């Protein structure tokens, strides 16, 4: 799990925030796997939860998601944000937190970023410069 900055201030997340975020990520993945959310845009959609970042007071969370294959990203995010009250209720039953966090769903753009880096590294110019067979040390 990467250490994204917390929702406020840009500071690095604390251990507690990271732990709560990981528990939320796991529970969200289980909820999506059971297909209990009654939203037409989510029927038959497999959703990956790559990370959940939590605010310092643990009352707000941002879940970074990506539909499998990257199709219909915006309708899936809108459907999840419409169903956030149901999702929060389900999470509150599963977690032993004083407050169930308010969750905002956003598309995880790290997949696109890593693909762009791979594309740049595979260009002939960069491949030539990074080649280990050039005979110099």
C-alpha atoms as a PDB file:
ATOM      1  CA  UNK A   1       0.000   0.000   0.000  1.00  0.00           C
ATOM      2  CA  UNK A   2       1.345   3.398  -0.883  1.00  0.00           C
ATOM      3  CA  UNK A   3       1.413   6.204   1.621  1.00  0.00           C
ATOM      4  CA  UNK A   4      -0.753   8.823  -0.042  1.00  0.00           C
ATOM      5  CA  UNK A   5      -1.118  12.023   1.848  1.00  0.00           C
ATOM      6  CA  UNK A   6      -4.044  12.291   4.201  1.00  0.00           C
ATOM      7  CA  UNK A   7      -7.219  13.976   3.015  1.00  0.00           C
ATOM      8  CA  UNK A   8      -6.274  17.238   4.747  1.00  0.00           C
ATOM      9  CA  UNK A   9      -3.035  19.157   4.737  1.00  0.00           C
ATOM     10  CA  UNK A  10      -0.924  16.869   2.573  1.00  0.00           C
ATOM     11  CA  UNK A  11       0.859  15.339   5.593  1.00  0.00           C
ATOM     12  CA  UNK A  12       1.854  11.703   5.567  1.00  0.00           C
ATOM     13  CA  UNK A  13      -0.809   9.420   7.008  1.00  0.00           C
ATOM     14  CA  UNK A  14      -0.368   8.028  10.524  1.00  0.00           C
ATOM     15  CA  UNK A  15      -0.160   4.322  11.307  1.00  0.00           C
ATOM     16  CA  UNK A  16      -3.749   4.358  12.564  1.00  0.00           C
ATOM     17  CA  UNK A  17      -4.986   6.010   9.373  1.00  0.00           C
ATOM     18  CA  UNK A  18      -3.140   3.423   7.291  1.00  0.00           C
ATOM     19  CA  UNK A  19      -4.536   0.531   9.351  1.00  0.00           C
ATOM     20  CA  UNK A  20      -8.111   1.832   9.202  1.00  0.00           C
ATOM     21  CA  UNK A  21      -7.736   2.489   5.471  1.00  0.00           C
ATOM     22  CA  UNK A  22      -6.561  -1.065   4.882  1.00  0.00           C
ATOM     23  CA  UNK A  23      -9.453  -2.522   6.905  1.00  0.00           C
ATOM     24  CA  UNK A  24     -11.895  -0.348   4.952  1.00  0.00           C
ATOM     25  CA  UNK A  25     -10.332  -1.447   1.662  1.00  0.00           C
ATOM     26  CA  UNK A  26     -10.708  -5.097   2.625  1.00  0.00           C
ATOM     27  CA  UNK A  27     -14.336  -4.693   3.762  1.00  0.00           C
ATOM     28  CA  UNK A  28     -15.260  -2.712   0.627  1.00  0.00           C
ATOM     29  CA  UNK A  29     -13.752  -5.427  -1.565  1.00  0.00           C
ATOM     30  CA  UNK A  30     -15.791  -8.051   0.289  1.00  0.00           C
ATOM     31  CA  UNK A  31     -18.953  -5.960  -0.057  1.00  0.00           C
ATOM     32  CA  UNK A  32     -18.404  -5.552  -3.807  1.00  0.00           C
ATOM     33  CA  UNK A  33     -17.669  -9.263  -4.136  1.00  0.00           C
ATOM     34  CA  UNK A  34     -20.990 -10.200  -2.508  1.00  0.00           C
ATOM     35  CA  UNK A  35     -22.821  -7.929  -4.998  1.00  0.00           C
ATOM     36  CA  UNK A  36     -25.260  -6.579  -2.377  1.00  0.00           C
ATOM     37  CA  UNK A  37     -25.527  -3.046  -3.732  1.00  0.00           C
ATOM     38  CA  UNK A  38     -28.744  -2.552  -5.665  1.00  0.00           C
ATOM     39  CA  UNK A  39     -27.650  -0.096  -8.304  1.00  0.00           C
ATOM     40  CA  UNK A  40     -28.351  -0.868 -11.974  1.00  0.00           C
ATOM     41  CA  UNK A  41     -24.994   0.567 -13.073  1.00  0.00           C
ATOM     42  CA  UNK A  42     -23.156  -1.866 -10.786  1.00  0.00           C
ATOM     43  CA  UNK A  43     -24.794  -5.088 -11.974  1.00  0.00           C
ATOM     44  CA  UNK A  44     -22.156  -7.467 -13.263  1.00  0.00           C
ATOM     45  CA  UNK A  45     -19.312  -4.979 -12.706  1.00  0.00           C
ATOM     46  CA  UNK A  46     -16.195  -6.200 -10.935  1.00  0.00           C
ATOM     47  CA  UNK A  47     -14.600  -3.387  -8.953  1.00  0.00           C
ATOM     48  CA  UNK A  48     -11.017  -3.194  -7.714  1.00  0.00           C
ATOM     49  CA  UNK A  49     -10.386  -1.149  -4.573  1.00  0.00           C
ATOM     50  CA  UNK A  50      -6.726  -0.199  -4.787  1.00  0.00           C
ATOM     51  CA  UNK A  51      -6.516   2.042  -1.726  1.00  0.00           C
ATOM     52  CA  UNK A  52      -8.552   3.865   0.882  1.00  0.00           C
ATOM     53  CA  UNK A  53      -7.111   7.028   2.414  1.00  0.00           C
ATOM     54  CA  UNK A  54      -8.597   8.231   5.679  1.00  0.00           C
ATOM     55  CA  UNK A  55      -8.675  11.698   7.250  1.00  0.00           C
ATOM     56  CA  UNK A  56      -6.816  12.207  10.548  1.00  0.00           C
ATOM     57  CA  UNK A  57     -10.065  12.170  12.553  1.00  0.00           C
ATOM     58  CA  UNK A  58     -11.168   8.954  10.748  1.00  0.00           C
ATOM     59  CA  UNK A  59     -14.521  10.482   9.804  1.00  0.00           C
ATOM     60  CA  UNK A  60     -13.888  10.821   6.056  1.00  0.00           C
ATOM     61  CA  UNK A  61     -12.379   8.380   3.619  1.00  0.00           C
ATOM     62  CA  UNK A  62     -11.591   8.400  -0.059  1.00  0.00           C
ATOM     63  CA  UNK A  63     -11.726   5.039  -1.838  1.00  0.00           C
ATOM     64  CA  UNK A  64      -9.698   4.735  -5.039  1.00  0.00           C
ATOM     65  CA  UNK A  65     -11.481   2.272  -7.310  1.00  0.00           C
ATOM     66  CA  UNK A  66     -11.221   0.938 -10.830  1.00  0.00           C
ATOM     67  CA  UNK A  67     -13.774  -1.193 -12.671  1.00  0.00           C
ATOM     68  CA  UNK A  68     -12.251  -4.307 -14.212  1.00  0.00           C
ATOM     69  CA  UNK A  69     -11.080  -3.491 -17.718  1.00  0.00           C
ATOM     70  CA  UNK A  70     -11.442   0.244 -17.061  1.00  0.00           C
ATOM     71  CA  UNK A  71     -14.855   0.368 -18.758  1.00  0.00           C
ATOM     72  CA  UNK A  72     -17.711   2.647 -17.655  1.00  0.00           C
ATOM     73  CA  UNK A  73     -15.638   4.389 -15.012  1.00  0.00           C
ATOM     74  CA  UNK A  74     -17.800   7.458 -14.524  1.00  0.00           C
ATOM     75  CA  UNK A  75     -21.175   5.633 -14.240  1.00  0.00           C
ATOM     76  CA  UNK A  76     -19.651   3.210 -11.719  1.00  0.00           C
ATOM     77  CA  UNK A  77     -18.254   6.024  -9.555  1.00  0.00           C
ATOM     78  CA  UNK A  78     -21.572   7.886  -9.700  1.00  0.00           C
ATOM     79  CA  UNK A  79     -23.476   4.720  -8.722  1.00  0.00           C
ATOM     80  CA  UNK A  80     -21.140   4.072  -5.781  1.00  0.00           C
ATOM     81  CA  UNK A  81     -21.465   7.666  -4.599  1.00  0.00           C
ATOM     82  CA  UNK A  82     -25.269   7.366  -4.836  1.00  0.00           C
ATOM     83  CA  UNK A  83     -25.137   4.198  -2.712  1.00  0.00           C
ATOM     84  CA  UNK A  84     -22.695   5.630  -0.160  1.00  0.00           C
ATOM     85  CA  UNK A  85     -25.275   5.604   2.664  1.00  0.00           C
ATOM     86  CA  UNK A  86     -25.979   1.911   2.193  1.00  0.00           C
ATOM     87  CA  UNK A  87     -22.253   1.178   1.962  1.00  0.00           C
ATOM     88  CA  UNK A  88     -21.554   3.199   5.109  1.00  0.00           C
ATOM     89  CA  UNK A  89     -24.278   1.294   6.967  1.00  0.00           C
ATOM     90  CA  UNK A  90     -22.845  -2.053   5.908  1.00  0.00           C
ATOM     91  CA  UNK A  91     -19.357  -0.989   6.951  1.00  0.00           C
ATOM     92  CA  UNK A  92     -20.572   0.253  10.329  1.00  0.00           C
ATOM     93  CA  UNK A  93     -21.921  -3.238  11.084  1.00  0.00           C
ATOM     94  CA  UNK A  94     -18.577  -4.832  10.240  1.00  0.00           C
ATOM     95  CA  UNK A  95     -16.148  -2.372  11.830  1.00  0.00           C
ATOM     96  CA  UNK A  96     -15.524  -1.559  15.457  1.00  0.00           C
ATOM     97  CA  UNK A  97     -14.989   2.162  15.009  1.00  0.00           C
ATOM     98  CA  UNK A  98     -16.667   4.902  16.999  1.00  0.00           C
ATOM     99  CA  UNK A  99     -17.842   6.539  13.766  1.00  0.00           C
ATOM    100  CA  UNK A 100     -18.280   4.942  10.365  1.00  0.00           C
ATOM    101  CA  UNK A 101     -16.413   7.169   7.922  1.00  0.00           C
ATOM    102  CA  UNK A 102     -18.160   9.068   5.149  1.00  0.00           C
ATOM    103  CA  UNK A 103     -16.755   7.512   1.972  1.00  0.00           C
ATOM    104  CA  UNK A 104     -16.135   9.262  -1.322  1.00  0.00           C
ATOM    105  CA  UNK A 105     -15.371   7.082  -4.341  1.00  0.00           C
ATOM    106  CA  UNK A 106     -12.934   8.284  -7.001  1.00  0.00           C
ATOM    107  CA  UNK A 107     -11.235   6.672  -9.986  1.00  0.00           C
ATOM    108  CA  UNK A 108      -7.696   5.508  -9.317  1.00  0.00           C
ATOM    109  CA  UNK A 109      -5.488   7.192 -11.902  1.00  0.00           C
ATOM    110  CA  UNK A 110      -2.309   5.397 -10.807  1.00  0.00           C
ATOM    111  CA  UNK A 111      -2.979   2.669 -13.389  1.00  0.00           C
ATOM    112  CA  UNK A 112      -2.904   5.244 -16.208  1.00  0.00           C
ATOM    113  CA  UNK A 113       0.213   6.850 -14.743  1.00  0.00           C
ATOM    114  CA  UNK A 114       2.086   3.543 -14.548  1.00  0.00           C
ATOM    115  CA  UNK A 115       1.055   2.727 -18.125  1.00  0.00           C
ATOM    116  CA  UNK A 116       2.461   6.063 -19.327  1.00  0.00           C
ATOM    117  CA  UNK A 117       5.742   5.352 -17.535  1.00  0.00           C
ATOM    118  CA  UNK A 118       5.924   1.892 -19.144  1.00  0.00           C
ATOM    119  CA  UNK A 119       5.281   3.439 -22.559  1.00  0.00           C
ATOM    120  CA  UNK A 120       8.080   5.951 -22.056  1.00  0.00           C
ATOM    121  CA  UNK A 121      10.507   3.276 -20.828  1.00  0.00           C
ATOM    122  CA  UNK A 122       9.742   1.120 -23.860  1.00  0.00           C
ATOM    123  CA  UNK A 123      10.482   3.829 -26.425  1.00  0.00           C
ATOM    124  CA  UNK A 124      13.609   3.108 -28.497  1.00  0.00           C
ATOM    125  CA  UNK A 125      15.433   6.198 -27.224  1.00  0.00           C
ATOM    126  CA  UNK A 126      15.042   5.272 -23.572  1.00  0.00           C
ATOM    127  CA  UNK A 127      15.627   1.576 -24.204  1.00  0.00           C
ATOM    128  CA  UNK A 128      18.912   2.470 -25.898  1.00  0.00           C
ATOM    129  CA  UNK A 129      19.997   4.579 -22.917  1.00  0.00           C
ATOM    130  CA  UNK A 130      19.025   2.000 -20.326  1.00  0.00           C
ATOM    131  CA  UNK A 131      20.488  -0.974 -22.133  1.00  0.00           C
ATOM    132  CA  UNK A 132      22.979  -3.004 -20.104  1.00  0.00           C
ATOM    133  CA  UNK A 133      24.660  -4.366 -23.246  1.00  0.00           C
ATOM    134  CA  UNK A 134      26.435  -1.133 -24.190  1.00  0.00           C
ATOM    135  CA  UNK A 135      29.788  -2.358 -22.855  1.00  0.00           C
ATOM    136  CA  UNK A 136      30.440   0.533 -20.428  1.00  0.00           C
ATOM    137  CA  UNK A 137      30.251   0.470 -16.689  1.00  0.00           C
END
